[in-house]
Amino acid sequence: MPLLTDGNDTTDWITPDSTDDLNFTLRWKQPQTFTLVQLKEDIRYGQHIRWVRVEAFTDNGWQLLARVSGIGANRIIELKTPITAQALRLHVRTRAGCALSELGVYDFPHPGAH
């Protein structure tokens, strides 16, 4: 997991080709508030991710934030409202493994927000 959150999109977390379904959880020491989730797939190895389901662990337990088809080189998932979470969980369905290069969460105000 450290390769996904090291701030360097030239490092990759590569799964075996036999992997078609993977799950991982990122936990923080302190709750994080965010409005964007960014995922990057290293497409030098091809585009293998079919879909990703993103969930956050909040005071109300696990909540579905988004389900997206593919991520390509860079996928930004904008949330409708800010969320504060203690953990982020991803369920990834692939075609013969994948190479993820970055995972990030960011707190950017929505346009027009005061």
Protein backbone atom coordinates (compact mmCIF):
# COMPACT_ATOMS: atom_id res chain seq x y z
CA MET A 1 0.00 0.00 0.00
CA PRO A 2 2.81 2.54 0.64
CA LEU A 3 3.52 2.70 -3.10
CA LEU A 4 -0.01 4.02 -3.68
CA THR A 5 0.30 6.86 -1.21
CA ASP A 6 3.96 7.89 -1.59
CA GLY A 7 3.18 10.92 -3.76
CA ASN A 8 5.23 9.46 -6.61
CA ASP A 9 3.20 8.27 -9.60
CA THR A 10 6.26 6.54 -11.09
CA THR A 11 6.09 3.83 -8.41
CA ASP A 12 3.46 1.12 -8.83
CA TRP A 13 1.56 -1.44 -6.82
CA ILE A 14 1.38 -4.33 -9.29
CA THR A 15 -0.82 -7.38 -8.78
CA PRO A 16 -0.24 -10.79 -10.36
CA ASP A 17 -1.96 -11.46 -13.69
CA SER A 18 -4.04 -14.13 -11.93
CA THR A 19 -5.71 -11.42 -9.79
CA ASP A 20 -9.15 -10.35 -10.96
CA ASP A 21 -10.68 -9.15 -7.69
CA LEU A 22 -8.88 -7.25 -4.96
CA ASN A 23 -9.78 -5.28 -1.87
CA PHE A 24 -7.69 -2.99 0.25
CA THR A 25 -8.22 -0.51 3.05
CA LEU A 26 -6.34 2.68 3.83
CA ARG A 27 -6.65 3.74 7.49
CA TRP A 28 -5.66 7.09 8.98
CA LYS A 29 -4.53 7.89 12.52
CA GLN A 30 -6.89 10.89 12.49
CA PRO A 31 -10.16 11.22 10.51
CA GLN A 32 -9.74 12.92 7.13
CA THR A 33 -12.26 15.19 5.41
CA PHE A 34 -12.27 15.09 1.61
CA THR A 35 -14.34 15.86 -1.48
CA LEU A 36 -12.21 14.15 -4.15
CA VAL A 37 -10.72 10.69 -4.54
CA GLN A 38 -8.01 10.28 -7.16
CA LEU A 39 -6.87 6.94 -8.60
CA LYS A 40 -4.16 6.38 -11.19
CA GLU A 41 -3.52 3.23 -13.19
CA ASP A 42 -0.11 2.84 -14.81
CA ILE A 43 -1.32 2.29 -18.35
CA ARG A 44 2.18 1.40 -19.57
CA TYR A 45 1.04 -2.09 -18.56
CA GLY A 46 -2.35 -1.68 -20.23
CA GLN A 47 -5.76 -0.75 -18.87
CA HIS A 48 -6.97 -3.68 -16.80
CA ILE A 49 -9.35 -2.19 -14.23
CA ARG A 50 -12.99 -2.92 -15.06
CA TRP A 51 -14.55 -1.10 -12.11
CA VAL A 52 -13.77 0.27 -8.67
CA ARG A 53 -16.10 0.62 -5.71
CA VAL A 54 -14.99 3.24 -3.16
CA GLU A 55 -16.26 3.14 0.42
CA ALA A 56 -15.51 5.26 3.49
CA PHE A 57 -15.67 4.27 7.15
CA THR A 58 -17.47 7.04 9.03
CA ASP A 59 -19.25 7.35 12.36
CA ASN A 60 -22.15 5.53 10.64
CA GLY A 61 -20.00 2.59 9.50
CA TRP A 62 -19.06 1.78 5.90
CA GLN A 63 -20.70 4.01 3.27
CA LEU A 64 -20.59 3.63 -0.50
CA LEU A 65 -19.08 6.77 -2.05
CA ALA A 66 -18.87 5.76 -5.70
CA ARG A 67 -18.68 2.97 -8.22
CA VAL A 68 -16.86 3.84 -11.43
CA SER A 69 -16.06 1.91 -14.59
CA GLY A 70 -12.35 1.88 -15.24
CA ILE A 71 -9.90 4.54 -14.16
CA GLY A 72 -7.39 4.83 -17.00
CA ALA A 73 -4.32 6.97 -16.43
CA ASN A 74 -6.09 9.29 -13.98
CA ARG A 75 -9.57 9.16 -12.49
CA ILE A 76 -10.90 11.87 -10.21
CA ILE A 77 -14.09 11.03 -8.33
CA GLU A 78 -15.86 14.15 -7.10
CA LEU A 79 -18.14 13.61 -4.11
CA LYS A 80 -21.41 15.53 -3.83
CA THR A 81 -20.66 16.58 -0.27
CA PRO A 82 -17.52 16.50 1.91
CA ILE A 83 -17.07 13.34 3.93
CA THR A 84 -15.07 12.75 7.08
CA ALA A 85 -13.75 9.22 7.38
CA GLN A 86 -11.37 7.12 9.43
CA ALA A 87 -10.66 4.75 6.52
CA LEU A 88 -11.10 4.31 2.78
CA ARG A 89 -11.80 0.90 1.23
CA LEU A 90 -11.52 0.00 -2.45
CA HIS A 91 -12.92 -3.04 -4.21
CA VAL A 92 -11.28 -3.43 -7.61
CA ARG A 93 -12.33 -5.78 -10.42
CA THR A 94 -9.60 -6.28 -13.03
CA ARG A 95 -8.82 -8.10 -16.24
CA ALA A 96 -5.75 -10.15 -15.38
CA GLY A 97 -4.19 -8.00 -12.65
CA CYS A 98 -3.43 -4.28 -12.62
CA ALA A 99 -0.77 -1.68 -11.88
CA LEU A 100 -2.01 1.13 -9.64
CA SER A 101 0.36 4.06 -9.34
CA GLU A 102 -1.40 6.49 -6.99
CA LEU A 103 -4.30 6.91 -4.58
CA GLY A 104 -5.13 10.25 -3.04
CA VAL A 105 -7.90 12.07 -1.23
CA TYR A 106 -8.27 15.84 -1.35
CA ASP A 107 -10.50 18.44 0.24
CA PHE A 108 -11.36 21.03 -2.40
CA PRO A 109 -14.40 23.29 -2.03
CA HIS A 110 -17.14 22.82 -4.59
CA PRO A 111 -17.54 25.70 -7.05
CA GLY A 112 -20.00 28.20 -5.63
CA ALA A 113 -19.59 26.91 -2.06
CA HIS A 114 -19.26 29.58 0.62
